Amino acid sequence: MVIKIAEISKDIDTLPEEAQILLLDFIQLLKKRYPKPENQLIENEITVSSTQKQKPHPLDTFIEKHGAWEDERTAAEIVKEIYDSRTISNYDISL
């Protein structure tokens, strides 16, 4: 399987800025989890041997089991709903 970096880059460019920032955070997490072995990257392509049996990525497994997040609302609308639904406790608790 050959992953074409140029195509991925075009897809990323179409995402909203907020999604691109989240993607950068996710990439940093992946880089910590999977350090780059020497000589693995080829210019503009990552080649994976077709004879290698790859384990499914945990994120792929999660999405397969539970599905992707689907919501028509913006992030601001979701945050507003969360804040609006909060209640104030009448309990007097001291720590």
PDB file of N, CA and C in Angstrom:
ATOM      1  N   MET A   1       0.850  -1.175   0.000  1.00  0.00           N
ATOM      2  CA  MET A   1       0.000   0.000   0.000  1.00  0.00           C
ATOM      3  C   MET A   1       0.894   1.235   0.000  1.00  0.00           C
ATOM      4  N   VAL A   2       0.562   2.226  -0.819  1.00  0.00           N
ATOM      5  CA  VAL A   2       1.316   3.472  -0.882  1.00  0.00           C
ATOM      6  C   VAL A   2       0.394   4.606  -0.455  1.00  0.00           C
ATOM      7  N   ILE A   3       0.861   5.362   0.517  1.00  0.00           N
ATOM      8  CA  ILE A   3       0.102   6.509   1.005  1.00  0.00           C
ATOM      9  C   ILE A   3       0.709   7.749   0.364  1.00  0.00           C
ATOM     10  N   LYS A   4      -0.102   8.504  -0.357  1.00  0.00           N
ATOM     11  CA  LYS A   4       0.399   9.680  -1.056  1.00  0.00           C
ATOM     12  C   LYS A   4       0.188  10.929  -0.205  1.00  0.00           C
ATOM     13  N   ILE A   5       1.292  11.484   0.238  1.00  0.00           N
ATOM     14  CA  ILE A   5       1.278  12.637   1.129  1.00  0.00           C
ATOM     15  C   ILE A   5       0.620  13.845   0.467  1.00  0.00           C
ATOM     16  N   ALA A   6       0.826  14.036  -0.814  1.00  0.00           N
ATOM     17  CA  ALA A   6       0.259  15.196  -1.508  1.00  0.00           C
ATOM     18  C   ALA A   6      -1.268  15.171  -1.453  1.00  0.00           C
ATOM     19  N   GLU A   7      -1.867  13.994  -1.633  1.00  0.00           N
ATOM     20  CA  GLU A   7      -3.330  13.879  -1.575  1.00  0.00           C
ATOM     21  C   GLU A   7      -3.843  14.166  -0.166  1.00  0.00           C
ATOM     22  N   ILE A   8      -3.136  13.647   0.825  1.00  0.00           N
ATOM     23  CA  ILE A   8      -3.523  13.895   2.214  1.00  0.00           C
ATOM     24  C   ILE A   8      -3.439  15.390   2.514  1.00  0.00           C
ATOM     25  N   SER A   9      -2.397  16.018   2.036  1.00  0.00           N
ATOM     26  CA  SER A   9      -2.218  17.460   2.256  1.00  0.00           C
ATOM     27  C   SER A   9      -3.374  18.264   1.671  1.00  0.00           C
ATOM     28  N   LYS A  10      -3.834  17.891   0.479  1.00  0.00           N
ATOM     29  CA  LYS A  10      -4.977  18.580  -0.140  1.00  0.00           C
ATOM     30  C   LYS A  10      -6.227  18.419   0.715  1.00  0.00           C
ATOM     31  N   ASP A  11      -6.443  17.209   1.223  1.00  0.00           N
ATOM     32  CA  ASP A  11      -7.603  16.965   2.080  1.00  0.00           C
ATOM     33  C   ASP A  11      -7.537  17.807   3.353  1.00  0.00           C
ATOM     34  N   ILE A  12      -6.356  17.897   3.936  1.00  0.00           N
ATOM     35  CA  ILE A  12      -6.187  18.681   5.160  1.00  0.00           C
ATOM     36  C   ILE A  12      -6.483  20.146   4.894  1.00  0.00           C
ATOM     37  N   ASP A  13      -6.050  20.652   3.733  1.00  0.00           N
ATOM     38  CA  ASP A  13      -6.281  22.060   3.393  1.00  0.00           C
ATOM     39  C   ASP A  13      -7.764  22.413   3.302  1.00  0.00           C
ATOM     40  N   THR A  14      -8.615  21.421   3.045  1.00  0.00           N
ATOM     41  CA  THR A  14     -10.048  21.692   2.937  1.00  0.00           C
ATOM     42  C   THR A  14     -10.744  21.717   4.295  1.00  0.00           C
ATOM     43  N   LEU A  15     -10.043  21.282   5.347  1.00  0.00           N
ATOM     44  CA  LEU A  15     -10.642  21.258   6.681  1.00  0.00           C
ATOM     45  C   LEU A  15     -10.668  22.646   7.295  1.00  0.00           C
ATOM     46  N   PRO A  16     -11.625  22.902   8.209  1.00  0.00           N
ATOM     47  CA  PRO A  16     -11.626  24.181   8.921  1.00  0.00           C
ATOM     48  C   PRO A  16     -10.387  24.293   9.820  1.00  0.00           C
ATOM     49  N   GLU A  17     -10.020  25.511  10.159  1.00  0.00           N
ATOM     50  CA  GLU A  17      -8.814  25.749  10.954  1.00  0.00           C
ATOM     51  C   GLU A  17      -8.841  24.966  12.268  1.00  0.00           C
ATOM     52  N   GLU A  18      -9.989  24.915  12.911  1.00  0.00           N
ATOM     53  CA  GLU A  18     -10.114  24.198  14.183  1.00  0.00           C
ATOM     54  C   GLU A  18      -9.767  22.719  14.009  1.00  0.00           C
ATOM     55  N   ALA A  19     -10.236  22.122  12.928  1.00  0.00           N
ATOM     56  CA  ALA A  19      -9.940  20.713  12.656  1.00  0.00           C
ATOM     57  C   ALA A  19      -8.459  20.519  12.345  1.00  0.00           C
ATOM     58  N   GLN A  20      -7.848  21.465  11.648  1.00  0.00           N
ATOM     59  CA  GLN A  20      -6.425  21.364  11.333  1.00  0.00           C
ATOM     60  C   GLN A  20      -5.586  21.424  12.605  1.00  0.00           C
ATOM     61  N   ILE A  21      -5.992  22.259  13.561  1.00  0.00           N
ATOM     62  CA  ILE A  21      -5.272  22.354  14.837  1.00  0.00           C
ATOM     63  C   ILE A  21      -5.386  21.034  15.589  1.00  0.00           C
ATOM     64  N   LEU A  22      -6.589  20.450  15.609  1.00  0.00           N
ATOM     65  CA  LEU A  22      -6.770  19.148  16.260  1.00  0.00           C
ATOM     66  C   LEU A  22      -5.926  18.074  15.576  1.00  0.00           C
ATOM     67  N   LEU A  23      -5.844  18.148  14.262  1.00  0.00           N
ATOM     68  CA  LEU A  23      -5.042  17.187  13.514  1.00  0.00           C
ATOM     69  C   LEU A  23      -3.558  17.309  13.871  1.00  0.00           C
ATOM     70  N   LEU A  24      -3.079  18.528  14.012  1.00  0.00           N
ATOM     71  CA  LEU A  24      -1.680  18.732  14.420  1.00  0.00           C
ATOM     72  C   LEU A  24      -1.424  18.125  15.797  1.00  0.00           C
ATOM     73  N   ASP A  25      -2.363  18.321  16.736  1.00  0.00           N
ATOM     74  CA  ASP A  25      -2.223  17.725  18.063  1.00  0.00           C
ATOM     75  C   ASP A  25      -2.185  16.196  17.967  1.00  0.00           C
ATOM     76  N   PHE A  26      -3.063  15.649  17.116  1.00  0.00           N
ATOM     77  CA  PHE A  26      -3.118  14.205  16.948  1.00  0.00           C
ATOM     78  C   PHE A  26      -1.813  13.673  16.344  1.00  0.00           C
ATOM     79  N   ILE A  27      -1.253  14.393  15.394  1.00  0.00           N
ATOM     80  CA  ILE A  27       0.009  13.982  14.782  1.00  0.00           C
ATOM     81  C   ILE A  27       1.125  13.961  15.814  1.00  0.00           C
ATOM     82  N   GLN A  28       1.158  14.973  16.689  1.00  0.00           N
ATOM     83  CA  GLN A  28       2.172  14.992  17.745  1.00  0.00           C
ATOM     84  C   GLN A  28       2.021  13.782  18.666  1.00  0.00           C
ATOM     85  N   LEU A  29       0.782  13.424  18.982  1.00  0.00           N
ATOM     86  CA  LEU A  29       0.527  12.249  19.804  1.00  0.00           C
ATOM     87  C   LEU A  29       1.018  10.980  19.106  1.00  0.00           C
ATOM     88  N   LEU A  30       0.728  10.865  17.808  1.00  0.00           N
ATOM     89  CA  LEU A  30       1.186   9.695  17.054  1.00  0.00           C
ATOM     90  C   LEU A  30       2.705   9.625  16.984  1.00  0.00           C
ATOM     91  N   LYS A  31       3.365  10.766  16.835  1.00  0.00           N
ATOM     92  CA  LYS A  31       4.832  10.775  16.758  1.00  0.00           C
ATOM     93  C   LYS A  31       5.451  10.290  18.067  1.00  0.00           C
ATOM     94  N   LYS A  32       4.804  10.600  19.193  1.00  0.00           N
ATOM     95  CA  LYS A  32       5.309  10.111  20.477  1.00  0.00           C
ATOM     96  C   LYS A  32       5.061   8.609  20.612  1.00  0.00           C
ATOM     97  N   ARG A  33       3.900   8.170  20.138  1.00  0.00           N
ATOM     98  CA  ARG A  33       3.517   6.759  20.262  1.00  0.00           C
ATOM     99  C   ARG A  33       4.296   5.873  19.302  1.00  0.00           C
ATOM    100  N   TYR A  34       4.566   6.376  18.098  1.00  0.00           N
ATOM    101  CA  TYR A  34       5.251   5.602  17.059  1.00  0.00           C
ATOM    102  C   TYR A  34       6.469   6.381  16.564  1.00  0.00           C
ATOM    103  N   PRO A  35       7.585   6.294  17.269  1.00  0.00           N
ATOM    104  CA  PRO A  35       8.785   7.004  16.813  1.00  0.00           C
ATOM    105  C   PRO A  35       9.201   6.532  15.427  1.00  0.00           C
ATOM    106  N   LYS A  36       9.735   7.445  14.631  1.00  0.00           N
ATOM    107  CA  LYS A  36      10.096   7.149  13.243  1.00  0.00           C
ATOM    108  C   LYS A  36      11.385   6.328  13.186  1.00  0.00           C
ATOM    109  N   PRO A  37      11.307   5.096  12.654  1.00  0.00           N
ATOM    110  CA  PRO A  37      12.537   4.336  12.436  1.00  0.00           C
ATOM    111  C   PRO A  37      13.341   4.971  11.305  1.00  0.00           C
ATOM    112  N   GLU A  38      14.643   4.783  11.334  1.00  0.00           N
ATOM    113  CA  GLU A  38      15.496   5.355  10.291  1.00  0.00           C
ATOM    114  C   GLU A  38      15.149   4.748   8.934  1.00  0.00           C
ATOM    115  N   ASN A  39      15.260   5.545   7.899  1.00  0.00           N
ATOM    116  CA  ASN A  39      15.057   5.123   6.508  1.00  0.00           C
ATOM    117  C   ASN A  39      13.636   4.616   6.215  1.00  0.00           C
ATOM    118  N   GLN A  40      12.651   4.942   7.030  1.00  0.00           N
ATOM    119  CA  GLN A  40      11.291   4.480   6.750  1.00  0.00           C
ATOM    120  C   GLN A  40      10.605   5.373   5.722  1.00  0.00           C
ATOM    121  N   LEU A  41      10.864   6.659   5.774  1.00  0.00           N
ATOM    122  CA  LEU A  41      10.178   7.589   4.893  1.00  0.00           C
ATOM    123  C   LEU A  41      10.880   7.706   3.551  1.00  0.00           C
ATOM    124  N   ILE A  42      10.116   7.677   2.479  1.00  0.00           N
ATOM    125  CA  ILE A  42      10.595   7.928   1.135  1.00  0.00           C
ATOM    126  C   ILE A  42       9.981   9.253   0.723  1.00  0.00           C
ATOM    127  N   GLU A  43      10.680  10.051  -0.053  1.00  0.00           N
ATOM    128  CA  GLU A  43      10.201  11.383  -0.404  1.00  0.00           C
ATOM    129  C   GLU A  43       8.783  11.338  -0.951  1.00  0.00           C
ATOM    130  N   ASN A  44       7.873  12.018  -0.246  1.00  0.00           N
ATOM    131  CA  ASN A  44       6.451  12.158  -0.583  1.00  0.00           C
ATOM    132  C   ASN A  44       5.654  10.858  -0.564  1.00  0.00           C
ATOM    133  N   GLU A  45       6.221   9.758  -0.118  1.00  0.00           N
ATOM    134  CA  GLU A  45       5.480   8.503  -0.040  1.00  0.00           C
ATOM    135  C   GLU A  45       5.936   7.699   1.163  1.00  0.00           C
ATOM    136  N   ILE A  46       5.020   6.953   1.742  1.00  0.00           N
ATOM    137  CA  ILE A  46       5.353   5.979   2.773  1.00  0.00           C
ATOM    138  C   ILE A  46       4.962   4.634   2.195  1.00  0.00           C
ATOM    139  N   THR A  47       5.914   3.729   2.077  1.00  0.00           N
ATOM    140  CA  THR A  47       5.636   2.435   1.475  1.00  0.00           C
ATOM    141  C   THR A  47       5.505   1.393   2.577  1.00  0.00           C
ATOM    142  N   VAL A  48       4.445   0.611   2.512  1.00  0.00           N
ATOM    143  CA  VAL A  48       4.221  -0.463   3.463  1.00  0.00           C
ATOM    144  C   VAL A  48       4.199  -1.754   2.664  1.00  0.00           C
ATOM    145  N   SER A  49       4.978  -2.708   3.096  1.00  0.00           N
ATOM    146  CA  SER A  49       5.043  -3.986   2.393  1.00  0.00           C
ATOM    147  C   SER A  49       3.677  -4.659   2.408  1.00  0.00           C
ATOM    148  N   SER A  50       3.244  -5.139   1.246  1.00  0.00           N
ATOM    149  CA  SER A  50       1.937  -5.791   1.166  1.00  0.00           C
ATOM    150  C   SER A  50       1.954  -7.157   1.833  1.00  0.00           C
ATOM    151  N   THR A  51       3.153  -7.716   2.092  1.00  0.00           N
ATOM    152  CA  THR A  51       3.232  -9.012   2.752  1.00  0.00           C
ATOM    153  C   THR A  51       3.139  -8.868   4.267  1.00  0.00           C
ATOM    154  N   GLN A  52       3.360  -7.670   4.770  1.00  0.00           N
ATOM    155  CA  GLN A  52       3.268  -7.423   6.204  1.00  0.00           C
ATOM    156  C   GLN A  52       1.811  -7.413   6.625  1.00  0.00           C
ATOM    157  N   LYS A  53       1.513  -8.143   7.673  1.00  0.00           N
ATOM    158  CA  LYS A  53       0.157  -8.090   8.207  1.00  0.00           C
ATOM    159  C   LYS A  53       0.135  -7.002   9.278  1.00  0.00           C
ATOM    160  N   GLN A  54      -0.663  -5.968   9.030  1.00  0.00           N
ATOM    161  CA  GLN A  54      -0.715  -4.857   9.965  1.00  0.00           C
ATOM    162  C   GLN A  54      -1.847  -5.050  10.957  1.00  0.00           C
ATOM    163  N   LYS A  55      -1.562  -4.676  12.209  1.00  0.00           N
ATOM    164  CA  LYS A  55      -2.616  -4.665  13.207  1.00  0.00           C
ATOM    165  C   LYS A  55      -3.475  -3.439  12.954  1.00  0.00           C
ATOM    166  N   PRO A  56      -4.778  -3.549  13.138  1.00  0.00           N
ATOM    167  CA  PRO A  56      -5.605  -2.353  12.965  1.00  0.00           C
ATOM    168  C   PRO A  56      -5.274  -1.331  14.046  1.00  0.00           C
ATOM    169  N   HIS A  57      -5.292  -0.076  13.669  1.00  0.00           N
ATOM    170  CA  HIS A  57      -5.018   0.992  14.614  1.00  0.00           C
ATOM    171  C   HIS A  57      -6.164   1.071  15.618  1.00  0.00           C
ATOM    172  N   PRO A  58      -5.866   1.318  16.903  1.00  0.00           N
ATOM    173  CA  PRO A  58      -6.934   1.393  17.909  1.00  0.00           C
ATOM    174  C   PRO A  58      -8.023   2.412  17.565  1.00  0.00           C
ATOM    175  N   LEU A  59      -7.656   3.521  16.933  1.00  0.00           N
ATOM    176  CA  LEU A  59      -8.652   4.523  16.552  1.00  0.00           C
ATOM    177  C   LEU A  59      -9.597   3.958  15.493  1.00  0.00           C
ATOM    178  N   ASP A  60      -9.059   3.205  14.528  1.00  0.00           N
ATOM    179  CA  ASP A  60      -9.897   2.579  13.508  1.00  0.00           C
ATOM    180  C   ASP A  60     -10.859   1.578  14.148  1.00  0.00           C
ATOM    181  N   THR A  61     -10.345   0.809  15.101  1.00  0.00           N
ATOM    182  CA  THR A  61     -11.181  -0.164  15.794  1.00  0.00           C
ATOM    183  C   THR A  61     -12.297   0.531  16.556  1.00  0.00           C
ATOM    184  N   PHE A  62     -11.961   1.627  17.235  1.00  0.00           N
ATOM    185  CA  PHE A  62     -12.959   2.392  17.988  1.00  0.00           C
ATOM    186  C   PHE A  62     -14.047   2.928  17.061  1.00  0.00           C
ATOM    187  N   ILE A  63     -13.640   3.547  15.957  1.00  0.00           N
ATOM    188  CA  ILE A  63     -14.611   4.131  15.030  1.00  0.00           C
ATOM    189  C   ILE A  63     -15.472   3.034  14.404  1.00  0.00           C
ATOM    190  N   GLU A  64     -14.861   1.882  14.115  1.00  0.00           N
ATOM    191  CA  GLU A  64     -15.626   0.777  13.538  1.00  0.00           C
ATOM    192  C   GLU A  64     -16.707   0.296  14.508  1.00  0.00           C
ATOM    193  N   LYS A  65     -16.366   0.241  15.794  1.00  0.00           N
ATOM    194  CA  LYS A  65     -17.317  -0.253  16.785  1.00  0.00           C
ATOM    195  C   LYS A  65     -18.369   0.780  17.162  1.00  0.00           C
ATOM    196  N   HIS A  66     -17.940   2.038  17.284  1.00  0.00           N
ATOM    197  CA  HIS A  66     -18.831   3.056  17.836  1.00  0.00           C
ATOM    198  C   HIS A  66     -19.253   4.122  16.831  1.00  0.00           C
ATOM    199  N   GLY A  67     -18.634   4.166  15.688  1.00  0.00           N
ATOM    200  CA  GLY A  67     -18.976   5.172  14.682  1.00  0.00           C
ATOM    201  C   GLY A  67     -18.297   6.507  14.967  1.00  0.00           C
ATOM    202  N   ALA A  68     -18.272   7.338  13.971  1.00  0.00           N
ATOM    203  CA  ALA A  68     -17.656   8.654  14.110  1.00  0.00           C
ATOM    204  C   ALA A  68     -18.666   9.620  14.719  1.00  0.00           C
ATOM    205  N   TRP A  69     -18.156  10.689  15.293  1.00  0.00           N
ATOM    206  CA  TRP A  69     -19.010  11.723  15.867  1.00  0.00           C
ATOM    207  C   TRP A  69     -19.747  12.418  14.740  1.00  0.00           C
ATOM    208  N   GLU A  70     -21.049  12.495  14.887  1.00  0.00           N
ATOM    209  CA  GLU A  70     -21.852  13.166  13.876  1.00  0.00           C
ATOM    210  C   GLU A  70     -22.705  14.217  14.564  1.00  0.00           C
ATOM    211  N   ASP A  71     -22.576  15.453  14.135  1.00  0.00           N
ATOM    212  CA  ASP A  71     -23.363  16.535  14.698  1.00  0.00           C
ATOM    213  C   ASP A  71     -23.352  17.687  13.714  1.00  0.00           C
ATOM    214  N   GLU A  72     -24.498  18.270  13.512  1.00  0.00           N
ATOM    215  CA  GLU A  72     -24.629  19.384  12.570  1.00  0.00           C
ATOM    216  C   GLU A  72     -24.229  20.718  13.209  1.00  0.00           C
ATOM    217  N   ARG A  73     -24.154  20.744  14.536  1.00  0.00           N
ATOM    218  CA  ARG A  73     -23.890  21.999  15.246  1.00  0.00           C
ATOM    219  C   ARG A  73     -22.412  22.367  15.192  1.00  0.00           C
ATOM    220  N   THR A  74     -22.150  23.655  15.369  1.00  0.00           N
ATOM    221  CA  THR A  74     -20.760  24.113  15.462  1.00  0.00           C
ATOM    222  C   THR A  74     -20.245  23.823  16.861  1.00  0.00           C
ATOM    223  N   ALA A  75     -18.937  23.907  17.025  1.00  0.00           N
ATOM    224  CA  ALA A  75     -18.338  23.687  18.341  1.00  0.00           C
ATOM    225  C   ALA A  75     -18.887  24.696  19.349  1.00  0.00           C
ATOM    226  N   ALA A  76     -19.070  25.937  18.924  1.00  0.00           N
ATOM    227  CA  ALA A  76     -19.588  26.975  19.822  1.00  0.00           C
ATOM    228  C   ALA A  76     -21.003  26.640  20.294  1.00  0.00           C
ATOM    229  N   GLU A  77     -21.823  26.101  19.403  1.00  0.00           N
ATOM    230  CA  GLU A  77     -23.192  25.736  19.779  1.00  0.00           C
ATOM    231  C   GLU A  77     -23.195  24.579  20.781  1.00  0.00           C
ATOM    232  N   ILE A  78     -22.302  23.628  20.588  1.00  0.00           N
ATOM    233  CA  ILE A  78     -22.210  22.495  21.509  1.00  0.00           C
ATOM    234  C   ILE A  78     -21.760  22.965  22.886  1.00  0.00           C
ATOM    235  N   VAL A  79     -20.746  23.823  22.919  1.00  0.00           N
ATOM    236  CA  VAL A  79     -20.254  24.354  24.198  1.00  0.00           C
ATOM    237  C   VAL A  79     -21.354  25.134  24.899  1.00  0.00           C
ATOM    238  N   LYS A  80     -22.085  25.960  24.157  1.00  0.00           N
ATOM    239  CA  LYS A  80     -23.182  26.735  24.751  1.00  0.00           C
ATOM    240  C   LYS A  80     -24.221  25.801  25.357  1.00  0.00           C
ATOM    241  N   GLU A  81     -24.565  24.731  24.656  1.00  0.00           N
ATOM    242  CA  GLU A  81     -25.543  23.778  25.192  1.00  0.00           C
ATOM    243  C   GLU A  81     -25.040  23.148  26.484  1.00  0.00           C
ATOM    244  N   ILE A  82     -23.766  22.812  26.530  1.00  0.00           N
ATOM    245  CA  ILE A  82     -23.195  22.211  27.741  1.00  0.00           C
ATOM    246  C   ILE A  82     -23.309  23.182  28.910  1.00  0.00           C
ATOM    247  N   TYR A  83     -22.902  24.432  28.695  1.00  0.00           N
ATOM    248  CA  TYR A  83     -22.981  25.424  29.765  1.00  0.00           C
ATOM    249  C   TYR A  83     -24.427  25.700  30.166  1.00  0.00           C
ATOM    250  N   ASP A  84     -25.319  25.774  29.201  1.00  0.00           N
ATOM    251  CA  ASP A  84     -26.728  26.057  29.499  1.00  0.00           C
ATOM    252  C   ASP A  84     -27.386  24.929  30.279  1.00  0.00           C
ATOM    253  N   SER A  85     -26.909  23.708  30.110  1.00  0.00           N
ATOM    254  CA  SER A  85     -27.540  22.571  30.777  1.00  0.00           C
ATOM    255  C   SER A  85     -26.993  22.330  32.185  1.00  0.00           C
ATOM    256  N   ARG A  86     -25.969  23.052  32.572  1.00  0.00           N
ATOM    257  CA  ARG A  86     -25.401  22.878  33.907  1.00  0.00           C
ATOM    258  C   ARG A  86     -26.353  23.423  34.960  1.00  0.00           C
ATOM    259  N   THR A  87     -26.358  22.771  36.109  1.00  0.00           N
ATOM    260  CA  THR A  87     -27.187  23.237  37.222  1.00  0.00           C
ATOM    261  C   THR A  87     -26.294  23.569  38.401  1.00  0.00           C
ATOM    262  N   ILE A  88     -26.811  24.394  39.284  1.00  0.00           N
ATOM    263  CA  ILE A  88     -26.073  24.772  40.485  1.00  0.00           C
ATOM    264  C   ILE A  88     -26.526  23.866  41.618  1.00  0.00           C
ATOM    265  N   SER A  89     -25.572  23.308  42.308  1.00  0.00           N
ATOM    266  CA  SER A  89     -25.881  22.409  43.423  1.00  0.00           C
ATOM    267  C   SER A  89     -26.235  23.229  44.671  1.00  0.00           C
ATOM    268  N   ASN A  90     -27.208  22.752  45.423  1.00  0.00           N
ATOM    269  CA  ASN A  90     -27.595  23.395  46.672  1.00  0.00           C
ATOM    270  C   ASN A  90     -26.908  22.762  47.864  1.00  0.00           C
ATOM    271  N   TYR A  91     -26.078  21.775  47.620  1.00  0.00           N
ATOM    272  CA  TYR A  91     -25.401  21.098  48.702  1.00  0.00           C
ATOM    273  C   TYR A  91     -24.195  21.921  49.159  1.00  0.00           C
ATOM    274  N   ASP A  92     -24.016  21.985  50.484  1.00  0.00           N
ATOM    275  CA  ASP A  92     -22.877  22.691  51.055  1.00  0.00           C
ATOM    276  C   ASP A  92     -21.806  21.671  51.359  1.00  0.00           C
ATOM    277  N   ILE A  93     -20.834  21.559  50.466  1.00  0.00           N
ATOM    278  CA  ILE A  93     -19.786  20.558  50.632  1.00  0.00           C
ATOM    279  C   ILE A  93     -18.468  21.274  50.873  1.00  0.00           C
ATOM    280  N   SER A  94     -17.780  20.870  51.926  1.00  0.00           N
ATOM    281  CA  SER A  94     -16.451  21.438  52.180  1.00  0.00           C
ATOM    282  C   SER A  94     -15.430  20.320  52.138  1.00  0.00           C
ATOM    283  N   LEU A  95     -14.288  20.658  51.625  1.00  0.00           N
ATOM    284  CA  LEU A  95     -13.240  19.637  51.486  1.00  0.00           C
ATOM    285  C   LEU A  95     -12.224  19.766  52.572  1.00  0.00           C
TER     286      LEU A  95
END
